Amino acid sequence: MAEQRDVSLSLTTDQALVLFEWLVRRSHAGREPEPHPAETAVLWDVEAQLEARLVAPLAPGYEAAVRAARARVLGERE
């Protein structure tokens, strides 16, 4: 099992509100909503922060690591 560590991201209040609204619309739409340009910008910022903090995307076996992480996340919800 992979070591579990916390990853912290930093968002401004505006970024958090824009991201929250996109997530709410996404979860209630049943499909991918057309993102507002501000939502796209926030998602890019989150992606950049994750890219700077995660090692797995650069490691061999990345696809297997993602599959395992998905399974663990779903297992945590059961």
N, C-alpha and C. Protein backbone atom coordinates (compact mmCIF):
# COMPACT_ATOMS: atom_id res chain seq x y z
N MET A 1 0.84 -1.18 0.00
CA MET A 1 0.00 0.00 0.00
C MET A 1 0.88 1.24 0.00
N ALA A 2 0.49 2.23 -0.78
CA ALA A 2 1.27 3.46 -0.88
C ALA A 2 1.17 4.27 0.40
N GLU A 3 2.25 4.95 0.71
CA GLU A 3 2.26 5.82 1.89
C GLU A 3 1.24 6.94 1.69
N GLN A 4 0.42 7.19 2.70
CA GLN A 4 -0.57 8.26 2.63
C GLN A 4 -0.02 9.51 3.29
N ARG A 5 0.07 10.58 2.52
CA ARG A 5 0.51 11.87 3.04
C ARG A 5 -0.52 12.91 2.63
N ASP A 6 -0.64 13.93 3.43
CA ASP A 6 -1.53 15.03 3.08
C ASP A 6 -0.85 15.91 2.03
N VAL A 7 -1.65 16.45 1.15
CA VAL A 7 -1.20 17.43 0.17
C VAL A 7 -2.05 18.67 0.39
N SER A 8 -1.42 19.79 0.63
CA SER A 8 -2.15 21.03 0.86
C SER A 8 -2.06 21.93 -0.36
N LEU A 9 -3.18 22.53 -0.70
CA LEU A 9 -3.24 23.49 -1.78
C LEU A 9 -3.70 24.81 -1.19
N SER A 10 -3.34 25.88 -1.81
CA SER A 10 -3.73 27.19 -1.33
C SER A 10 -4.60 27.87 -2.38
N LEU A 11 -5.79 28.29 -1.97
CA LEU A 11 -6.69 29.00 -2.86
C LEU A 11 -7.09 30.32 -2.19
N THR A 12 -7.26 31.34 -3.00
CA THR A 12 -7.84 32.56 -2.46
C THR A 12 -9.33 32.28 -2.22
N THR A 13 -9.98 33.16 -1.48
CA THR A 13 -11.42 32.99 -1.26
C THR A 13 -12.17 33.03 -2.58
N ASP A 14 -11.75 33.91 -3.48
CA ASP A 14 -12.40 33.97 -4.80
C ASP A 14 -12.21 32.68 -5.57
N GLN A 15 -11.00 32.15 -5.58
CA GLN A 15 -10.74 30.89 -6.28
C GLN A 15 -11.58 29.76 -5.68
N ALA A 16 -11.65 29.72 -4.36
CA ALA A 16 -12.43 28.67 -3.70
C ALA A 16 -13.91 28.77 -4.07
N LEU A 17 -14.44 29.98 -4.09
CA LEU A 17 -15.85 30.16 -4.44
C LEU A 17 -16.12 29.76 -5.88
N VAL A 18 -15.25 30.16 -6.80
CA VAL A 18 -15.42 29.79 -8.20
C VAL A 18 -15.33 28.27 -8.37
N LEU A 19 -14.36 27.66 -7.72
CA LEU A 19 -14.21 26.20 -7.80
C LEU A 19 -15.42 25.50 -7.20
N PHE A 20 -15.89 25.97 -6.05
CA PHE A 20 -17.06 25.37 -5.40
C PHE A 20 -18.27 25.43 -6.33
N GLU A 21 -18.50 26.58 -6.94
CA GLU A 21 -19.66 26.73 -7.84
C GLU A 21 -19.56 25.77 -9.01
N TRP A 22 -18.37 25.62 -9.58
CA TRP A 22 -18.19 24.68 -10.70
C TRP A 22 -18.47 23.25 -10.25
N LEU A 23 -17.95 22.88 -9.08
CA LEU A 23 -18.18 21.53 -8.57
C LEU A 23 -19.66 21.27 -8.31
N VAL A 24 -20.36 22.25 -7.75
CA VAL A 24 -21.79 22.10 -7.51
C VAL A 24 -22.54 21.93 -8.83
N ARG A 25 -22.26 22.78 -9.79
CA ARG A 25 -22.92 22.67 -11.10
C ARG A 25 -22.61 21.33 -11.75
N ARG A 26 -21.38 20.89 -11.61
CA ARG A 26 -20.97 19.62 -12.21
C ARG A 26 -21.70 18.46 -11.57
N SER A 27 -21.83 18.47 -10.26
CA SER A 27 -22.46 17.34 -9.58
C SER A 27 -23.97 17.30 -9.80
N HIS A 28 -24.59 18.46 -10.06
CA HIS A 28 -26.03 18.49 -10.25
C HIS A 28 -26.45 18.42 -11.72
N ALA A 29 -25.53 18.66 -12.61
CA ALA A 29 -25.86 18.69 -14.04
C ALA A 29 -25.97 17.29 -14.63
N GLY A 30 -25.27 16.31 -14.03
CA GLY A 30 -25.27 14.98 -14.59
C GLY A 30 -24.38 14.86 -15.82
N ARG A 31 -23.73 15.94 -16.16
CA ARG A 31 -22.81 15.97 -17.29
C ARG A 31 -21.82 17.11 -17.04
N GLU A 32 -20.83 17.18 -17.90
CA GLU A 32 -19.83 18.24 -17.76
C GLU A 32 -20.45 19.57 -18.15
N PRO A 33 -20.54 20.54 -17.21
CA PRO A 33 -21.04 21.85 -17.60
C PRO A 33 -19.98 22.62 -18.39
N GLU A 34 -20.43 23.54 -19.20
CA GLU A 34 -19.49 24.40 -19.92
C GLU A 34 -18.85 25.32 -18.89
N PRO A 35 -17.52 25.23 -18.73
CA PRO A 35 -16.89 26.04 -17.70
C PRO A 35 -16.83 27.52 -18.08
N HIS A 36 -17.00 28.35 -17.10
CA HIS A 36 -16.79 29.79 -17.25
C HIS A 36 -15.28 29.99 -17.34
N PRO A 37 -14.81 31.00 -18.07
CA PRO A 37 -13.36 31.22 -18.16
C PRO A 37 -12.67 31.33 -16.80
N ALA A 38 -13.34 31.89 -15.81
CA ALA A 38 -12.74 31.98 -14.47
C ALA A 38 -12.58 30.59 -13.86
N GLU A 39 -13.55 29.71 -14.10
CA GLU A 39 -13.45 28.34 -13.59
C GLU A 39 -12.28 27.61 -14.23
N THR A 40 -12.10 27.81 -15.52
CA THR A 40 -10.96 27.20 -16.21
C THR A 40 -9.65 27.69 -15.62
N ALA A 41 -9.57 28.98 -15.34
CA ALA A 41 -8.34 29.55 -14.75
C ALA A 41 -8.06 28.94 -13.38
N VAL A 42 -9.09 28.79 -12.56
CA VAL A 42 -8.90 28.20 -11.23
C VAL A 42 -8.47 26.74 -11.36
N LEU A 43 -9.09 26.00 -12.26
CA LEU A 43 -8.70 24.59 -12.46
C LEU A 43 -7.25 24.49 -12.91
N TRP A 44 -6.80 25.39 -13.75
CA TRP A 44 -5.39 25.39 -14.17
C TRP A 44 -4.49 25.67 -12.98
N ASP A 45 -4.91 26.61 -12.11
CA ASP A 45 -4.12 26.91 -10.92
C ASP A 45 -4.01 25.69 -10.01
N VAL A 46 -5.13 24.99 -9.81
CA VAL A 46 -5.12 23.79 -8.97
C VAL A 46 -4.23 22.72 -9.60
N GLU A 47 -4.35 22.54 -10.91
CA GLU A 47 -3.51 21.56 -11.61
C GLU A 47 -2.03 21.89 -11.43
N ALA A 48 -1.67 23.16 -11.55
CA ALA A 48 -0.27 23.57 -11.40
C ALA A 48 0.23 23.29 -9.98
N GLN A 49 -0.61 23.55 -8.99
CA GLN A 49 -0.21 23.27 -7.61
C GLN A 49 -0.02 21.78 -7.38
N LEU A 50 -0.93 20.97 -7.92
CA LEU A 50 -0.79 19.52 -7.77
C LEU A 50 0.47 19.03 -8.48
N GLU A 51 0.71 19.54 -9.67
CA GLU A 51 1.90 19.13 -10.43
C GLU A 51 3.18 19.45 -9.66
N ALA A 52 3.18 20.56 -8.95
CA ALA A 52 4.37 20.96 -8.18
C ALA A 52 4.56 20.11 -6.92
N ARG A 53 3.49 19.48 -6.43
CA ARG A 53 3.57 18.76 -5.17
C ARG A 53 3.62 17.23 -5.31
N LEU A 54 3.12 16.71 -6.42
CA LEU A 54 3.05 15.26 -6.60
C LEU A 54 4.29 14.72 -7.30
N VAL A 55 4.73 13.56 -6.86
CA VAL A 55 5.87 12.89 -7.46
C VAL A 55 5.40 11.83 -8.46
N ALA A 56 4.25 11.22 -8.18
CA ALA A 56 3.74 10.09 -8.97
C ALA A 56 3.66 10.35 -10.47
N PRO A 57 3.22 11.54 -10.94
CA PRO A 57 3.12 11.73 -12.39
C PRO A 57 4.44 11.56 -13.13
N LEU A 58 5.55 11.70 -12.44
CA LEU A 58 6.86 11.56 -13.08
C LEU A 58 7.47 10.18 -12.87
N ALA A 59 6.84 9.37 -12.05
CA ALA A 59 7.40 8.06 -11.70
C ALA A 59 6.93 6.99 -12.67
N PRO A 60 7.74 5.95 -12.85
CA PRO A 60 7.29 4.81 -13.65
C PRO A 60 6.06 4.20 -12.98
N GLY A 61 5.16 3.67 -13.77
CA GLY A 61 3.97 3.04 -13.22
C GLY A 61 2.90 4.03 -12.79
N TYR A 62 2.90 5.20 -13.39
CA TYR A 62 1.93 6.25 -13.02
C TYR A 62 0.49 5.76 -13.19
N GLU A 63 0.19 5.11 -14.30
CA GLU A 63 -1.18 4.65 -14.55
C GLU A 63 -1.64 3.68 -13.46
N ALA A 64 -0.76 2.78 -13.06
CA ALA A 64 -1.10 1.83 -11.99
C ALA A 64 -1.29 2.56 -10.66
N ALA A 65 -0.50 3.59 -10.42
CA ALA A 65 -0.64 4.36 -9.19
C ALA A 65 -1.99 5.08 -9.15
N VAL A 66 -2.44 5.59 -10.29
CA VAL A 66 -3.74 6.26 -10.36
C VAL A 66 -4.86 5.25 -10.13
N ARG A 67 -4.77 4.08 -10.75
CA ARG A 67 -5.80 3.04 -10.54
C ARG A 67 -5.88 2.66 -9.07
N ALA A 68 -4.73 2.47 -8.43
CA ALA A 68 -4.71 2.09 -7.02
C ALA A 68 -5.27 3.21 -6.14
N ALA A 69 -4.93 4.44 -6.44
CA ALA A 69 -5.44 5.57 -5.67
C ALA A 69 -6.96 5.68 -5.81
N ARG A 70 -7.47 5.48 -7.01
CA ARG A 70 -8.93 5.52 -7.23
C ARG A 70 -9.61 4.44 -6.40
N ALA A 71 -9.05 3.25 -6.40
CA ALA A 71 -9.63 2.14 -5.63
C ALA A 71 -9.62 2.45 -4.13
N ARG A 72 -8.54 3.03 -3.64
CA ARG A 72 -8.46 3.38 -2.22
C ARG A 72 -9.48 4.46 -1.86
N VAL A 73 -9.63 5.46 -2.73
CA VAL A 73 -10.59 6.53 -2.47
C VAL A 73 -12.01 5.95 -2.41
N LEU A 74 -12.34 5.08 -3.35
CA LEU A 74 -13.68 4.47 -3.33
C LEU A 74 -13.85 3.59 -2.10
N GLY A 75 -12.81 2.88 -1.71
CA GLY A 75 -12.87 2.04 -0.52
C GLY A 75 -13.11 2.85 0.75
N GLU A 76 -12.60 4.06 0.77
CA GLU A 76 -12.79 4.94 1.93
C GLU A 76 -14.24 5.38 2.05
N ARG A 77 -14.97 5.36 0.97
CA ARG A 77 -16.37 5.84 0.98
C ARG A 77 -17.35 4.71 1.28
N GLU A 78 -16.90 3.49 1.28
CA GLU A 78 -17.81 2.35 1.51
C GLU A 78 -18.02 2.11 2.99
